[in-house]
Amino acid sequence: MHGPTIEAVEGDRVRFYVTNKLPEGTTVHWHGVIVPSGMDGVGGLSQKAIEPGETYMYEFTLRQHGTLMYHSHHDEMTQMQLGAMGMFIIHPRSRRPIHRTATTPFS
């Protein structure tokens, strides 16, 4: 089972408090989300690991829209199998119509 799906709107300022209830360090990487370096969740590079029992605050403004994900970036294969991952849906601020032209080999 994975973590909750997060939904927000492009341009929103979001704040996440992550309390580590694991027996080892962890971080959260916002996969594909444009964030400041200190919010990227790469332990040992852009932040130190969140130790067991500690809380870390991630805060940033959403600069794009799309269907993205978040996941652990510390012993990620084990922690992701335990559910330290989920979907992050960022809805577009404006609902501009999308125009598409379909081409097929039969046209």
N, C-alpha and C. Protein backbone atom coordinates (compact mmCIF):
# COMPACT_ATOMS: atom_id res chain seq x y z
N MET A 1 0.85 -1.18 0.00
CA MET A 1 0.00 0.00 0.00
C MET A 1 0.89 1.24 0.00
N HIS A 2 0.55 2.19 -0.81
CA HIS A 2 1.37 3.41 -0.87
C HIS A 2 0.73 4.51 -0.04
N GLY A 3 1.44 5.62 0.06
CA GLY A 3 0.96 6.77 0.82
C GLY A 3 -0.21 7.46 0.13
N PRO A 4 -0.74 8.49 0.77
CA PRO A 4 -1.91 9.17 0.22
C PRO A 4 -1.59 9.93 -1.07
N THR A 5 -2.59 10.05 -1.92
CA THR A 5 -2.48 10.89 -3.10
C THR A 5 -2.64 12.34 -2.66
N ILE A 6 -1.71 13.17 -3.07
CA ILE A 6 -1.76 14.60 -2.74
C ILE A 6 -2.27 15.33 -3.97
N GLU A 7 -3.24 16.21 -3.78
CA GLU A 7 -3.75 17.02 -4.88
C GLU A 7 -3.64 18.49 -4.49
N ALA A 8 -3.17 19.31 -5.43
CA ALA A 8 -3.05 20.75 -5.21
C ALA A 8 -3.20 21.43 -6.57
N VAL A 9 -3.09 22.75 -6.58
CA VAL A 9 -3.26 23.52 -7.80
C VAL A 9 -1.98 24.29 -8.09
N GLU A 10 -1.59 24.30 -9.35
CA GLU A 10 -0.42 25.05 -9.81
C GLU A 10 -0.48 26.47 -9.24
N GLY A 11 0.63 26.93 -8.67
CA GLY A 11 0.69 28.25 -8.05
C GLY A 11 0.47 28.23 -6.55
N ASP A 12 -0.10 27.13 -6.02
CA ASP A 12 -0.30 27.01 -4.57
C ASP A 12 1.04 26.95 -3.85
N ARG A 13 1.08 27.48 -2.65
CA ARG A 13 2.22 27.30 -1.75
C ARG A 13 1.83 26.15 -0.85
N VAL A 14 2.63 25.09 -0.82
CA VAL A 14 2.31 23.90 -0.03
C VAL A 14 3.34 23.73 1.09
N ARG A 15 2.89 23.11 2.17
CA ARG A 15 3.76 22.85 3.32
C ARG A 15 3.43 21.45 3.83
N PHE A 16 4.47 20.62 3.94
CA PHE A 16 4.31 19.25 4.42
C PHE A 16 5.21 19.05 5.63
N TYR A 17 4.63 18.58 6.72
CA TYR A 17 5.40 18.20 7.90
C TYR A 17 5.55 16.69 7.85
N VAL A 18 6.78 16.21 7.76
CA VAL A 18 7.05 14.78 7.68
C VAL A 18 7.70 14.35 8.99
N THR A 19 7.01 13.49 9.74
CA THR A 19 7.55 12.92 10.97
C THR A 19 7.99 11.50 10.65
N ASN A 20 9.25 11.22 10.90
CA ASN A 20 9.80 9.91 10.60
C ASN A 20 9.47 8.93 11.72
N LYS A 21 8.64 7.94 11.39
CA LYS A 21 8.28 6.89 12.35
C LYS A 21 8.97 5.58 12.02
N LEU A 22 9.98 5.66 11.15
CA LEU A 22 10.76 4.47 10.79
C LEU A 22 11.92 4.29 11.76
N PRO A 23 12.52 3.10 11.81
CA PRO A 23 13.67 2.88 12.69
C PRO A 23 14.99 3.38 12.10
N GLU A 24 14.94 4.03 10.93
CA GLU A 24 16.14 4.55 10.29
C GLU A 24 15.81 5.90 9.65
N GLY A 25 16.82 6.60 9.18
CA GLY A 25 16.62 7.90 8.55
C GLY A 25 15.81 7.80 7.26
N THR A 26 15.21 8.90 6.87
CA THR A 26 14.47 8.96 5.62
C THR A 26 14.45 10.39 5.11
N THR A 27 14.02 10.58 3.89
CA THR A 27 13.75 11.89 3.28
C THR A 27 12.61 11.69 2.30
N VAL A 28 12.04 12.79 1.81
CA VAL A 28 11.01 12.70 0.78
C VAL A 28 11.50 13.46 -0.45
N HIS A 29 11.52 12.75 -1.58
CA HIS A 29 11.90 13.36 -2.85
C HIS A 29 10.62 13.58 -3.65
N TRP A 30 10.43 14.81 -4.12
CA TRP A 30 9.24 15.19 -4.88
C TRP A 30 9.57 14.98 -6.36
N HIS A 31 9.38 13.78 -6.84
CA HIS A 31 9.87 13.32 -8.14
C HIS A 31 9.24 14.10 -9.29
N GLY A 32 10.07 14.86 -10.00
CA GLY A 32 9.60 15.64 -11.14
C GLY A 32 9.05 17.00 -10.79
N VAL A 33 8.91 17.30 -9.50
CA VAL A 33 8.36 18.59 -9.07
C VAL A 33 9.51 19.60 -9.02
N ILE A 34 9.28 20.77 -9.57
CA ILE A 34 10.29 21.83 -9.53
C ILE A 34 10.26 22.44 -8.14
N VAL A 35 11.34 22.24 -7.37
CA VAL A 35 11.43 22.72 -6.00
C VAL A 35 12.80 23.35 -5.77
N PRO A 36 12.93 24.21 -4.74
CA PRO A 36 14.25 24.72 -4.38
C PRO A 36 15.15 23.56 -3.91
N SER A 37 16.43 23.72 -4.06
CA SER A 37 17.39 22.66 -3.73
C SER A 37 17.18 22.08 -2.32
N GLY A 38 16.97 22.91 -1.35
CA GLY A 38 16.82 22.43 0.03
C GLY A 38 15.55 21.65 0.28
N MET A 39 14.65 21.62 -0.67
CA MET A 39 13.38 20.91 -0.52
C MET A 39 13.33 19.64 -1.37
N ASP A 40 14.43 19.30 -2.04
CA ASP A 40 14.43 18.20 -3.00
C ASP A 40 14.49 16.82 -2.36
N GLY A 41 14.84 16.73 -1.10
CA GLY A 41 14.79 15.46 -0.40
C GLY A 41 15.88 14.47 -0.72
N VAL A 42 17.01 14.93 -1.23
CA VAL A 42 18.11 14.03 -1.51
C VAL A 42 19.04 14.06 -0.29
N GLY A 43 18.91 13.05 0.57
CA GLY A 43 19.69 12.99 1.80
C GLY A 43 21.19 13.01 1.54
N GLY A 44 21.89 13.83 2.30
CA GLY A 44 23.34 13.95 2.15
C GLY A 44 23.75 14.94 1.08
N LEU A 45 22.80 15.40 0.27
CA LEU A 45 23.12 16.37 -0.77
C LEU A 45 22.36 17.67 -0.54
N SER A 46 21.02 17.61 -0.56
CA SER A 46 20.24 18.83 -0.39
C SER A 46 19.64 18.95 1.01
N GLN A 47 19.72 17.91 1.79
CA GLN A 47 19.27 17.96 3.19
C GLN A 47 19.86 16.77 3.93
N LYS A 48 19.88 16.87 5.25
CA LYS A 48 20.29 15.71 6.04
C LYS A 48 19.08 14.82 6.22
N ALA A 49 19.34 13.56 6.48
CA ALA A 49 18.23 12.61 6.67
C ALA A 49 17.39 13.03 7.87
N ILE A 50 16.10 12.74 7.78
CA ILE A 50 15.19 12.93 8.90
C ILE A 50 15.36 11.70 9.79
N GLU A 51 15.90 11.90 10.95
CA GLU A 51 16.18 10.77 11.85
C GLU A 51 14.89 10.27 12.51
N PRO A 52 14.88 9.03 13.01
CA PRO A 52 13.69 8.50 13.67
C PRO A 52 13.18 9.46 14.75
N GLY A 53 11.89 9.75 14.71
CA GLY A 53 11.27 10.64 15.69
C GLY A 53 11.34 12.11 15.34
N GLU A 54 12.17 12.49 14.37
CA GLU A 54 12.29 13.90 13.98
C GLU A 54 11.20 14.28 12.98
N THR A 55 10.93 15.59 12.92
CA THR A 55 9.99 16.13 11.94
C THR A 55 10.72 17.14 11.08
N TYR A 56 10.47 17.10 9.79
CA TYR A 56 11.07 18.04 8.83
C TYR A 56 9.95 18.70 8.05
N MET A 57 10.09 19.99 7.79
CA MET A 57 9.07 20.71 7.04
C MET A 57 9.56 20.97 5.62
N TYR A 58 8.79 20.50 4.65
CA TYR A 58 9.01 20.82 3.23
C TYR A 58 8.01 21.91 2.87
N GLU A 59 8.49 22.98 2.22
CA GLU A 59 7.59 24.06 1.82
C GLU A 59 8.08 24.63 0.49
N PHE A 60 7.17 24.75 -0.46
CA PHE A 60 7.53 25.28 -1.77
C PHE A 60 6.26 25.68 -2.53
N THR A 61 6.46 26.47 -3.58
CA THR A 61 5.37 26.90 -4.45
C THR A 61 5.35 25.99 -5.67
N LEU A 62 4.18 25.54 -6.06
CA LEU A 62 4.05 24.64 -7.20
C LEU A 62 4.14 25.44 -8.49
N ARG A 63 5.14 25.15 -9.30
CA ARG A 63 5.45 25.91 -10.50
C ARG A 63 4.99 25.25 -11.80
N GLN A 64 4.43 24.05 -11.70
CA GLN A 64 3.96 23.36 -12.90
C GLN A 64 2.76 22.51 -12.53
N HIS A 65 2.13 21.94 -13.55
CA HIS A 65 1.03 21.02 -13.29
C HIS A 65 1.38 19.68 -13.92
N GLY A 66 0.70 18.65 -13.47
CA GLY A 66 0.94 17.32 -14.01
C GLY A 66 0.69 16.26 -12.96
N THR A 67 0.82 15.02 -13.38
CA THR A 67 0.69 13.88 -12.48
C THR A 67 2.10 13.40 -12.17
N LEU A 68 2.51 13.59 -10.94
CA LEU A 68 3.88 13.32 -10.51
C LEU A 68 3.83 12.34 -9.33
N MET A 69 4.93 12.23 -8.63
CA MET A 69 4.94 11.33 -7.48
C MET A 69 5.92 11.84 -6.43
N TYR A 70 5.80 11.29 -5.24
CA TYR A 70 6.79 11.53 -4.18
C TYR A 70 7.24 10.16 -3.69
N HIS A 71 8.45 10.10 -3.16
CA HIS A 71 8.94 8.83 -2.63
C HIS A 71 10.12 9.06 -1.70
N SER A 72 10.39 8.06 -0.90
CA SER A 72 11.55 8.08 -0.02
C SER A 72 12.81 8.17 -0.88
N HIS A 73 13.79 8.88 -0.37
CA HIS A 73 15.06 8.95 -1.09
C HIS A 73 16.20 8.55 -0.15
N HIS A 74 15.90 7.60 0.71
CA HIS A 74 16.88 7.06 1.66
C HIS A 74 16.54 5.58 1.81
N ASP A 75 17.44 4.70 1.40
CA ASP A 75 17.14 3.26 1.34
C ASP A 75 15.81 3.08 0.61
N GLU A 76 15.73 3.77 -0.55
CA GLU A 76 14.44 3.88 -1.23
C GLU A 76 13.79 2.57 -1.63
N MET A 77 14.54 1.57 -2.05
CA MET A 77 13.91 0.33 -2.47
C MET A 77 13.15 -0.33 -1.30
N THR A 78 13.75 -0.34 -0.13
CA THR A 78 13.07 -0.92 1.04
C THR A 78 11.91 -0.03 1.47
N GLN A 79 12.17 1.27 1.63
CA GLN A 79 11.14 2.16 2.14
C GLN A 79 9.97 2.32 1.17
N MET A 80 10.24 2.31 -0.13
CA MET A 80 9.15 2.40 -1.10
C MET A 80 8.28 1.14 -1.04
N GLN A 81 8.91 -0.03 -0.84
CA GLN A 81 8.13 -1.26 -0.70
C GLN A 81 7.24 -1.22 0.53
N LEU A 82 7.66 -0.46 1.54
CA LEU A 82 6.87 -0.33 2.77
C LEU A 82 5.80 0.76 2.64
N GLY A 83 5.73 1.43 1.49
CA GLY A 83 4.67 2.42 1.25
C GLY A 83 5.11 3.86 1.28
N ALA A 84 6.41 4.13 1.36
CA ALA A 84 6.90 5.51 1.42
C ALA A 84 6.96 6.11 0.01
N MET A 85 5.78 6.18 -0.61
CA MET A 85 5.65 6.76 -1.94
C MET A 85 4.17 7.02 -2.21
N GLY A 86 3.90 7.89 -3.17
CA GLY A 86 2.51 8.16 -3.53
C GLY A 86 2.44 9.09 -4.71
N MET A 87 1.24 9.33 -5.18
CA MET A 87 1.02 10.21 -6.32
C MET A 87 0.87 11.66 -5.85
N PHE A 88 1.31 12.59 -6.70
CA PHE A 88 1.20 14.02 -6.42
C PHE A 88 0.58 14.63 -7.67
N ILE A 89 -0.69 14.96 -7.61
CA ILE A 89 -1.40 15.52 -8.75
C ILE A 89 -1.49 17.03 -8.58
N ILE A 90 -0.92 17.75 -9.54
CA ILE A 90 -0.96 19.21 -9.52
C ILE A 90 -1.85 19.65 -10.67
N HIS A 91 -3.02 20.17 -10.32
CA HIS A 91 -3.98 20.60 -11.33
C HIS A 91 -3.56 21.95 -11.91
N PRO A 92 -3.84 22.19 -13.20
CA PRO A 92 -3.51 23.49 -13.79
C PRO A 92 -4.35 24.60 -13.16
N ARG A 93 -3.75 25.78 -13.02
CA ARG A 93 -4.47 26.92 -12.45
C ARG A 93 -5.62 27.34 -13.36
N SER A 94 -5.35 27.44 -14.66
CA SER A 94 -6.42 27.81 -15.59
C SER A 94 -6.85 26.58 -16.36
N ARG A 95 -8.04 26.58 -16.79
CA ARG A 95 -8.60 25.44 -17.53
C ARG A 95 -8.63 25.76 -19.02
N ARG A 96 -7.46 26.10 -19.58
CA ARG A 96 -7.38 26.40 -21.01
C ARG A 96 -7.74 25.15 -21.80
N PRO A 97 -8.50 25.31 -22.87
CA PRO A 97 -8.80 24.13 -23.69
C PRO A 97 -7.54 23.61 -24.36
N ILE A 98 -7.47 22.31 -24.51
CA ILE A 98 -6.34 21.67 -25.17
C ILE A 98 -6.78 21.28 -26.57
N HIS A 99 -6.07 21.76 -27.58
CA HIS A 99 -6.39 21.44 -28.97
C HIS A 99 -5.39 20.39 -29.45
N ARG A 100 -5.91 19.30 -29.93
CA ARG A 100 -5.05 18.23 -30.43
C ARG A 100 -5.50 17.85 -31.83
N THR A 101 -4.53 17.54 -32.65
CA THR A 101 -4.81 17.04 -33.98
C THR A 101 -4.32 15.61 -34.05
N ALA A 102 -5.23 14.71 -34.30
CA ALA A 102 -4.87 13.30 -34.38
C ALA A 102 -4.53 12.94 -35.83
N THR A 103 -3.46 12.22 -35.99
CA THR A 103 -3.14 11.69 -37.31
C THR A 103 -2.97 10.19 -37.18
N THR A 104 -3.42 9.49 -38.16
CA THR A 104 -3.29 8.05 -38.19
C THR A 104 -2.72 7.64 -39.53
N PRO A 105 -2.22 6.45 -39.63
CA PRO A 105 -1.72 6.00 -40.93
C PRO A 105 -2.84 5.83 -41.95
N PHE A 106 -4.10 5.90 -41.51
CA PHE A 106 -5.23 5.68 -42.40
C PHE A 106 -5.83 6.98 -42.92
N SER A 107 -5.31 8.15 -42.47
CA SER A 107 -5.92 9.40 -42.93
C SER A 107 -5.34 9.88 -44.23
